[in-house]
């Protein structure tokens, strides 16, 4: 049995994970942006709802968007910027 040597690729080491403070800042930016957009788009439709139901609807849209889309993409952008600098 022979082994084939695979060429190694020079890749930059992965970026260090962000500090808890940076993660909090990125999360705040994502939440602020998402709330602003969702309230402007959905707000007129839920205007007559009781406050708790209105909050439930808006957070039901914002939380998944922030957790699954916005924050991961902000972290990818951060990593790309760090790779570009280094």
PDB file of N, CA and C in Angstrom:
ATOM      1  N   UNK A   1       0.847  -1.170   0.000  1.00  0.00           N
ATOM      2  CA  UNK A   1       0.000   0.000   0.000  1.00  0.00           C
ATOM      3  C   UNK A   1       0.894   1.235   0.000  1.00  0.00           C
ATOM      4  N   UNK A   2       0.610   2.139  -0.879  1.00  0.00           N
ATOM      5  CA  UNK A   2       1.410   3.356  -0.955  1.00  0.00           C
ATOM      6  C   UNK A   2       0.597   4.536  -0.463  1.00  0.00           C
ATOM      7  N   UNK A   3       1.299   5.476   0.067  1.00  0.00           N
ATOM      8  CA  UNK A   3       0.621   6.696   0.499  1.00  0.00           C
ATOM      9  C   UNK A   3       1.007   7.822  -0.435  1.00  0.00           C
ATOM     10  N   UNK A   4       0.076   8.646  -0.691  1.00  0.00           N
ATOM     11  CA  UNK A   4       0.308   9.774  -1.585  1.00  0.00           C
ATOM     12  C   UNK A   4       0.424  11.025  -0.734  1.00  0.00           C
ATOM     13  N   UNK A   5       1.519  11.724  -0.931  1.00  0.00           N
ATOM     14  CA  UNK A   5       1.702  12.973  -0.182  1.00  0.00           C
ATOM     15  C   UNK A   5       0.813  14.046  -0.795  1.00  0.00           C
ATOM     16  N   UNK A   6       0.058  14.661   0.026  1.00  0.00           N
ATOM     17  CA  UNK A   6      -0.794  15.741  -0.447  1.00  0.00           C
ATOM     18  C   UNK A   6      -0.072  17.064  -0.246  1.00  0.00           C
ATOM     19  N   UNK A   7      -0.206  17.940  -1.221  1.00  0.00           N
ATOM     20  CA  UNK A   7       0.466  19.237  -1.057  1.00  0.00           C
ATOM     21  C   UNK A   7      -0.164  20.009   0.103  1.00  0.00           C
ATOM     22  N   UNK A   8       0.690  20.632   0.844  1.00  0.00           N
ATOM     23  CA  UNK A   8       0.187  21.439   1.947  1.00  0.00           C
ATOM     24  C   UNK A   8      -0.082  22.844   1.452  1.00  0.00           C
ATOM     25  N   UNK A   9      -1.113  23.409   1.978  1.00  0.00           N
ATOM     26  CA  UNK A   9      -1.447  24.781   1.612  1.00  0.00           C
ATOM     27  C   UNK A   9      -1.141  25.673   2.801  1.00  0.00           C
ATOM     28  N   UNK A  10      -0.542  26.763   2.504  1.00  0.00           N
ATOM     29  CA  UNK A  10      -0.220  27.712   3.573  1.00  0.00           C
ATOM     30  C   UNK A  10      -1.486  28.516   3.875  1.00  0.00           C
ATOM     31  N   UNK A  11      -2.029  28.268   5.013  1.00  0.00           N
ATOM     32  CA  UNK A  11      -3.219  29.020   5.393  1.00  0.00           C
ATOM     33  C   UNK A  11      -2.945  29.726   6.706  1.00  0.00           C
ATOM     34  N   UNK A  12      -3.562  30.851   6.838  1.00  0.00           N
ATOM     35  CA  UNK A  12      -3.379  31.633   8.055  1.00  0.00           C
ATOM     36  C   UNK A  12      -4.063  30.916   9.210  1.00  0.00           C
ATOM     37  N   UNK A  13      -3.506  31.018  10.383  1.00  0.00           N
ATOM     38  CA  UNK A  13      -4.163  30.400  11.531  1.00  0.00           C
ATOM     39  C   UNK A  13      -5.507  31.083  11.769  1.00  0.00           C
ATOM     40  N   UNK A  14      -6.463  30.344  12.312  1.00  0.00           N
ATOM     41  CA  UNK A  14      -7.771  30.943  12.542  1.00  0.00           C
ATOM     42  C   UNK A  14      -7.673  32.114  13.517  1.00  0.00           C
ATOM     43  N   UNK A  15      -8.546  33.069  13.339  1.00  0.00           N
ATOM     44  CA  UNK A  15      -8.555  34.236  14.224  1.00  0.00           C
ATOM     45  C   UNK A  15      -8.950  33.801  15.631  1.00  0.00           C
ATOM     46  N   UNK A  16      -8.352  34.446  16.592  1.00  0.00           N
ATOM     47  CA  UNK A  16      -8.698  34.149  17.980  1.00  0.00           C
ATOM     48  C   UNK A  16     -10.160  34.518  18.223  1.00  0.00           C
ATOM     49  N   UNK A  17     -10.841  33.772  19.061  1.00  0.00           N
ATOM     50  CA  UNK A  17     -12.239  34.114  19.325  1.00  0.00           C
ATOM     51  C   UNK A  17     -12.336  35.512  19.946  1.00  0.00           C
ATOM     52  N   UNK A  18     -13.397  36.226  19.622  1.00  0.00           N
ATOM     53  CA  UNK A  18     -13.525  37.577  20.159  1.00  0.00           C
ATOM     54  C   UNK A  18     -13.782  37.545  21.660  1.00  0.00           C
ATOM     55  N   UNK A  19     -13.420  38.628  22.310  1.00  0.00           N
ATOM     56  CA  UNK A  19     -13.668  38.725  23.749  1.00  0.00           C
ATOM     57  C   UNK A  19     -15.169  38.811  23.998  1.00  0.00           C
ATOM     58  N   UNK A  20     -15.547  38.578  25.210  1.00  0.00           N
ATOM     59  CA  UNK A  20     -16.964  38.659  25.576  1.00  0.00           C
ATOM     60  C   UNK A  20     -17.492  40.073  25.330  1.00  0.00           C
ATOM     61  N   UNK A  21     -16.637  41.067  25.491  1.00  0.00           N
ATOM     62  CA  UNK A  21     -17.061  42.454  25.282  1.00  0.00           C
ATOM     63  C   UNK A  21     -17.324  42.731  23.805  1.00  0.00           C
ATOM     64  N   UNK A  22     -16.477  42.199  22.942  1.00  0.00           N
ATOM     65  CA  UNK A  22     -16.685  42.385  21.507  1.00  0.00           C
ATOM     66  C   UNK A  22     -17.919  41.627  21.043  1.00  0.00           C
ATOM     67  N   UNK A  23     -18.113  40.413  21.562  1.00  0.00           N
ATOM     68  CA  UNK A  23     -19.328  39.659  21.216  1.00  0.00           C
ATOM     69  C   UNK A  23     -20.576  40.407  21.663  1.00  0.00           C
ATOM     70  N   UNK A  24     -20.527  41.018  22.843  1.00  0.00           N
ATOM     71  CA  UNK A  24     -21.673  41.798  23.329  1.00  0.00           C
ATOM     72  C   UNK A  24     -21.926  42.988  22.412  1.00  0.00           C
ATOM     73  N   UNK A  25     -20.873  43.663  21.985  1.00  0.00           N
ATOM     74  CA  UNK A  25     -21.024  44.802  21.086  1.00  0.00           C
ATOM     75  C   UNK A  25     -21.609  44.367  19.745  1.00  0.00           C
ATOM     76  N   UNK A  26     -21.082  43.286  19.165  1.00  0.00           N
ATOM     77  CA  UNK A  26     -21.602  42.794  17.892  1.00  0.00           C
ATOM     78  C   UNK A  26     -23.062  42.360  18.016  1.00  0.00           C
ATOM     79  N   UNK A  27     -23.401  41.720  19.126  1.00  0.00           N
ATOM     80  CA  UNK A  27     -24.786  41.309  19.358  1.00  0.00           C
ATOM     81  C   UNK A  27     -25.688  42.525  19.491  1.00  0.00           C
ATOM     82  N   UNK A  28     -25.234  43.541  20.211  1.00  0.00           N
ATOM     83  CA  UNK A  28     -26.032  44.765  20.368  1.00  0.00           C
ATOM     84  C   UNK A  28     -26.257  45.427  19.014  1.00  0.00           C
ATOM     85  N   UNK A  29     -25.229  45.502  18.193  1.00  0.00           N
ATOM     86  CA  UNK A  29     -25.372  46.095  16.866  1.00  0.00           C
ATOM     87  C   UNK A  29     -26.400  45.304  16.046  1.00  0.00           C
ATOM     88  N   UNK A  30     -26.307  43.982  16.085  1.00  0.00           N
ATOM     89  CA  UNK A  30     -27.231  43.139  15.329  1.00  0.00           C
ATOM     90  C   UNK A  30     -28.665  43.286  15.838  1.00  0.00           C
ATOM     91  N   UNK A  31     -28.838  43.287  17.154  1.00  0.00           N
ATOM     92  CA  UNK A  31     -30.184  43.423  17.733  1.00  0.00           C
ATOM     93  C   UNK A  31     -30.773  44.785  17.398  1.00  0.00           C
ATOM     94  N   UNK A  32     -29.983  45.840  17.534  1.00  0.00           N
ATOM     95  CA  UNK A  32     -30.464  47.187  17.230  1.00  0.00           C
ATOM     96  C   UNK A  32     -30.913  47.284  15.775  1.00  0.00           C
ATOM     97  N   UNK A  33     -30.077  46.795  14.865  1.00  0.00           N
ATOM     98  CA  UNK A  33     -30.417  46.860  13.444  1.00  0.00           C
ATOM     99  C   UNK A  33     -31.660  46.033  13.132  1.00  0.00           C
ATOM    100  N   UNK A  34     -31.711  44.824  13.673  1.00  0.00           N
ATOM    101  CA  UNK A  34     -32.855  43.945  13.396  1.00  0.00           C
ATOM    102  C   UNK A  34     -34.147  44.518  13.977  1.00  0.00           C
ATOM    103  N   UNK A  35     -34.093  45.032  15.200  1.00  0.00           N
ATOM    104  CA  UNK A  35     -35.302  45.629  15.798  1.00  0.00           C
ATOM    105  C   UNK A  35     -35.781  46.825  14.999  1.00  0.00           C
ATOM    106  N   UNK A  36     -34.864  47.641  14.552  1.00  0.00           N
ATOM    107  CA  UNK A  36     -35.231  48.824  13.769  1.00  0.00           C
ATOM    108  C   UNK A  36     -35.944  48.414  12.483  1.00  0.00           C
ATOM    109  N   UNK A  37     -35.368  47.445  11.779  1.00  0.00           N
ATOM    110  CA  UNK A  37     -35.962  47.003  10.513  1.00  0.00           C
ATOM    111  C   UNK A  37     -37.306  46.316  10.749  1.00  0.00           C
ATOM    112  N   UNK A  38     -37.346  45.390  11.701  1.00  0.00           N
ATOM    113  CA  UNK A  38     -38.580  44.635  11.938  1.00  0.00           C
ATOM    114  C   UNK A  38     -39.690  45.543  12.449  1.00  0.00           C
ATOM    115  N   UNK A  39     -39.376  46.463  13.346  1.00  0.00           N
ATOM    116  CA  UNK A  39     -40.417  47.360  13.832  1.00  0.00           C
ATOM    117  C   UNK A  39     -40.953  48.249  12.724  1.00  0.00           C
ATOM    118  N   UNK A  40     -40.092  48.671  11.817  1.00  0.00           N
ATOM    119  CA  UNK A  40     -40.585  49.525  10.736  1.00  0.00           C
ATOM    120  C   UNK A  40     -41.409  48.724   9.728  1.00  0.00           C
ATOM    121  N   UNK A  41     -41.093  47.447   9.532  1.00  0.00           N
ATOM    122  CA  UNK A  41     -41.830  46.627   8.575  1.00  0.00           C
ATOM    123  C   UNK A  41     -43.089  45.986   9.168  1.00  0.00           C
ATOM    124  N   UNK A  42     -42.978  45.475  10.396  1.00  0.00           N
ATOM    125  CA  UNK A  42     -44.068  44.725  11.011  1.00  0.00           C
ATOM    126  C   UNK A  42     -44.916  45.608  11.926  1.00  0.00           C
ATOM    127  N   UNK A  43     -44.321  46.688  12.412  1.00  0.00           N
ATOM    128  CA  UNK A  43     -45.009  47.554  13.365  1.00  0.00           C
ATOM    129  C   UNK A  43     -46.426  47.948  12.987  1.00  0.00           C
ATOM    130  N   UNK A  44     -46.658  48.403  11.762  1.00  0.00           N
ATOM    131  CA  UNK A  44     -48.019  48.803  11.401  1.00  0.00           C
ATOM    132  C   UNK A  44     -49.039  47.656  11.487  1.00  0.00           C
ATOM    133  N   UNK A  45     -48.588  46.426  11.274  1.00  0.00           N
ATOM    134  CA  UNK A  45     -49.500  45.279  11.306  1.00  0.00           C
ATOM    135  C   UNK A  45     -49.826  44.827  12.729  1.00  0.00           C
ATOM    136  N   UNK A  46     -48.943  45.093  13.674  1.00  0.00           N
ATOM    137  CA  UNK A  46     -49.166  44.649  15.053  1.00  0.00           C
ATOM    138  C   UNK A  46     -49.479  45.819  15.980  1.00  0.00           C
ATOM    139  N   UNK A  47     -49.741  46.963  15.393  1.00  0.00           N
ATOM    140  CA  UNK A  47     -49.968  48.180  16.176  1.00  0.00           C
ATOM    141  C   UNK A  47     -51.106  48.009  17.185  1.00  0.00           C
ATOM    142  N   UNK A  48     -52.160  47.335  16.817  1.00  0.00           N
ATOM    143  CA  UNK A  48     -53.309  47.182  17.706  1.00  0.00           C
ATOM    144  C   UNK A  48     -53.201  46.027  18.681  1.00  0.00           C
ATOM    145  N   UNK A  49     -52.148  45.238  18.593  1.00  0.00           N
ATOM    146  CA  UNK A  49     -51.981  44.091  19.485  1.00  0.00           C
ATOM    147  C   UNK A  49     -51.641  44.567  20.900  1.00  0.00           C
ATOM    148  N   UNK A  50     -51.984  43.771  21.906  1.00  0.00           N
ATOM    149  CA  UNK A  50     -51.502  44.073  23.261  1.00  0.00           C
ATOM    150  C   UNK A  50     -49.968  44.037  23.280  1.00  0.00           C
ATOM    151  N   UNK A  51     -49.387  44.777  24.215  1.00  0.00           N
ATOM    152  CA  UNK A  51     -47.929  44.921  24.263  1.00  0.00           C
ATOM    153  C   UNK A  51     -47.213  43.569  24.312  1.00  0.00           C
ATOM    154  N   UNK A  52     -47.686  42.654  25.142  1.00  0.00           N
ATOM    155  CA  UNK A  52     -47.003  41.360  25.255  1.00  0.00           C
ATOM    156  C   UNK A  52     -47.055  40.579  23.944  1.00  0.00           C
ATOM    157  N   UNK A  53     -48.181  40.605  23.261  1.00  0.00           N
ATOM    158  CA  UNK A  53     -48.293  39.892  21.992  1.00  0.00           C
ATOM    159  C   UNK A  53     -47.442  40.560  20.911  1.00  0.00           C
ATOM    160  N   UNK A  54     -47.445  41.885  20.895  1.00  0.00           N
ATOM    161  CA  UNK A  54     -46.612  42.625  19.941  1.00  0.00           C
ATOM    162  C   UNK A  54     -45.131  42.293  20.166  1.00  0.00           C
ATOM    163  N   UNK A  55     -44.711  42.273  21.425  1.00  0.00           N
ATOM    164  CA  UNK A  55     -43.327  41.938  21.767  1.00  0.00           C
ATOM    165  C   UNK A  55     -42.998  40.500  21.379  1.00  0.00           C
ATOM    166  N   UNK A  56     -43.935  39.593  21.600  1.00  0.00           N
ATOM    167  CA  UNK A  56     -43.730  38.194  21.234  1.00  0.00           C
ATOM    168  C   UNK A  56     -43.529  38.045  19.731  1.00  0.00           C
ATOM    169  N   UNK A  57     -44.342  38.723  18.947  1.00  0.00           N
ATOM    170  CA  UNK A  57     -44.225  38.637  17.490  1.00  0.00           C
ATOM    171  C   UNK A  57     -42.886  39.208  17.023  1.00  0.00           C
ATOM    172  N   UNK A  58     -42.546  40.383  17.506  1.00  0.00           N
ATOM    173  CA  UNK A  58     -41.324  41.044  17.050  1.00  0.00           C
ATOM    174  C   UNK A  58     -40.083  40.266  17.482  1.00  0.00           C
ATOM    175  N   UNK A  59     -40.046  39.812  18.732  1.00  0.00           N
ATOM    176  CA  UNK A  59     -38.875  39.045  19.172  1.00  0.00           C
ATOM    177  C   UNK A  59     -38.827  37.675  18.517  1.00  0.00           C
ATOM    178  N   UNK A  60     -39.982  37.133  18.132  1.00  0.00           N
ATOM    179  CA  UNK A  60     -40.016  35.865  17.410  1.00  0.00           C
ATOM    180  C   UNK A  60     -39.357  35.961  16.044  1.00  0.00           C
ATOM    181  N   UNK A  61     -39.324  37.157  15.498  1.00  0.00           N
ATOM    182  CA  UNK A  61     -38.649  37.388  14.219  1.00  0.00           C
ATOM    183  C   UNK A  61     -37.190  37.779  14.445  1.00  0.00           C
ATOM    184  N   UNK A  62     -36.967  38.669  15.405  1.00  0.00           N
ATOM    185  CA  UNK A  62     -35.633  39.249  15.614  1.00  0.00           C
ATOM    186  C   UNK A  62     -34.637  38.244  16.186  1.00  0.00           C
ATOM    187  N   UNK A  63     -35.020  37.490  17.194  1.00  0.00           N
ATOM    188  CA  UNK A  63     -34.060  36.600  17.863  1.00  0.00           C
ATOM    189  C   UNK A  63     -33.472  35.558  16.907  1.00  0.00           C
ATOM    190  N   UNK A  64     -34.290  34.821  16.156  1.00  0.00           N
ATOM    191  CA  UNK A  64     -33.669  33.873  15.216  1.00  0.00           C
ATOM    192  C   UNK A  64     -32.800  34.566  14.160  1.00  0.00           C
ATOM    193  N   UNK A  65     -33.239  35.723  13.684  1.00  0.00           N
ATOM    194  CA  UNK A  65     -32.442  36.442  12.684  1.00  0.00           C
ATOM    195  C   UNK A  65     -31.082  36.822  13.245  1.00  0.00           C
ATOM    196  N   UNK A  66     -31.062  37.290  14.482  1.00  0.00           N
ATOM    197  CA  UNK A  66     -29.805  37.705  15.107  1.00  0.00           C
ATOM    198  C   UNK A  66     -28.914  36.499  15.391  1.00  0.00           C
ATOM    199  N   UNK A  67     -29.491  35.454  15.975  1.00  0.00           N
ATOM    200  CA  UNK A  67     -28.699  34.298  16.412  1.00  0.00           C
ATOM    201  C   UNK A  67     -28.167  33.484  15.241  1.00  0.00           C
ATOM    202  N   UNK A  68     -29.003  33.280  14.231  1.00  0.00           N
ATOM    203  CA  UNK A  68     -28.617  32.384  13.143  1.00  0.00           C
ATOM    204  C   UNK A  68     -28.016  33.088  11.929  1.00  0.00           C
ATOM    205  N   UNK A  69     -28.224  34.385  11.807  1.00  0.00           N
ATOM    206  CA  UNK A  69     -27.756  35.069  10.606  1.00  0.00           C
ATOM    207  C   UNK A  69     -26.831  36.232  10.904  1.00  0.00           C
ATOM    208  N   UNK A  70     -27.311  37.207  11.651  1.00  0.00           N
ATOM    209  CA  UNK A  70     -26.568  38.456  11.795  1.00  0.00           C
ATOM    210  C   UNK A  70     -25.264  38.302  12.570  1.00  0.00           C
ATOM    211  N   UNK A  71     -25.317  37.747  13.759  1.00  0.00           N
ATOM    212  CA  UNK A  71     -24.098  37.628  14.571  1.00  0.00           C
ATOM    213  C   UNK A  71     -23.072  36.709  13.899  1.00  0.00           C
ATOM    214  N   UNK A  72     -23.460  35.527  13.374  1.00  0.00           N
ATOM    215  CA  UNK A  72     -22.446  34.716  12.685  1.00  0.00           C
ATOM    216  C   UNK A  72     -21.802  35.447  11.513  1.00  0.00           C
ATOM    217  N   UNK A  73     -22.588  36.216  10.764  1.00  0.00           N
ATOM    218  CA  UNK A  73     -22.013  36.954   9.641  1.00  0.00           C
ATOM    219  C   UNK A  73     -21.113  38.085  10.122  1.00  0.00           C
ATOM    220  N   UNK A  74     -21.472  38.749  11.201  1.00  0.00           N
ATOM    221  CA  UNK A  74     -20.591  39.774  11.756  1.00  0.00           C
ATOM    222  C   UNK A  74     -19.273  39.159  12.226  1.00  0.00           C
ATOM    223  N   UNK A  75     -19.331  37.970  12.808  1.00  0.00           N
ATOM    224  CA  UNK A  75     -18.107  37.288  13.242  1.00  0.00           C
ATOM    225  C   UNK A  75     -17.251  36.880  12.039  1.00  0.00           C
ATOM    226  N   UNK A  76     -17.891  36.477  10.932  1.00  0.00           N
ATOM    227  CA  UNK A  76     -17.139  36.148   9.718  1.00  0.00           C
ATOM    228  C   UNK A  76     -16.465  37.393   9.149  1.00  0.00           C
ATOM    229  N   UNK A  77     -17.169  38.498   9.164  1.00  0.00           N
ATOM    230  CA  UNK A  77     -16.582  39.753   8.677  1.00  0.00           C
ATOM    231  C   UNK A  77     -15.390  40.125   9.539  1.00  0.00           C
ATOM    232  N   UNK A  78     -15.538  39.992  10.852  1.00  0.00           N
ATOM    233  CA  UNK A  78     -14.429  40.291  11.770  1.00  0.00           C
ATOM    234  C   UNK A  78     -13.225  39.421  11.458  1.00  0.00           C
ATOM    235  N   UNK A  79     -13.464  38.121  11.260  1.00  0.00           N
ATOM    236  CA  UNK A  79     -12.359  37.201  10.964  1.00  0.00           C
ATOM    237  C   UNK A  79     -11.699  37.571   9.640  1.00  0.00           C
ATOM    238  N   UNK A  80     -12.492  37.946   8.642  1.00  0.00           N
ATOM    239  CA  UNK A  80     -11.922  38.331   7.349  1.00  0.00           C
ATOM    240  C   UNK A  80     -11.086  39.594   7.478  1.00  0.00           C
ATOM    241  N   UNK A  81     -11.540  40.537   8.269  1.00  0.00           N
ATOM    242  CA  UNK A  81     -10.775  41.766   8.470  1.00  0.00           C
ATOM    243  C   UNK A  81      -9.460  41.447   9.176  1.00  0.00           C
ATOM    244  N   UNK A  82      -9.512  40.589  10.175  1.00  0.00           N
ATOM    245  CA  UNK A  82      -8.282  40.219  10.889  1.00  0.00           C
ATOM    246  C   UNK A  82      -7.308  39.480   9.980  1.00  0.00           C
ATOM    247  N   UNK A  83      -7.833  38.597   9.117  1.00  0.00           N
ATOM    248  CA  UNK A  83      -6.962  37.893   8.168  1.00  0.00           C
ATOM    249  C   UNK A  83      -6.333  38.869   7.181  1.00  0.00           C
ATOM    250  N   UNK A  84      -7.114  39.830   6.748  1.00  0.00           N
ATOM    251  CA  UNK A  84      -6.625  40.819   5.778  1.00  0.00           C
ATOM    252  C   UNK A  84      -5.520  41.687   6.396  1.00  0.00           C
ATOM    253  N   UNK A  85      -5.675  42.029   7.662  1.00  0.00           N
ATOM    254  CA  UNK A  85      -4.674  42.848   8.351  1.00  0.00           C
ATOM    255  C   UNK A  85      -3.370  42.082   8.557  1.00  0.00           C
ATOM    256  N   UNK A  86      -3.523  40.789   8.862  1.00  0.00           N
ATOM    257  CA  UNK A  86      -2.346  39.993   9.224  1.00  0.00           C
ATOM    258  C   UNK A  86      -1.669  39.459   8.058  1.00  0.00           C
TER     259      UNK A  86
END
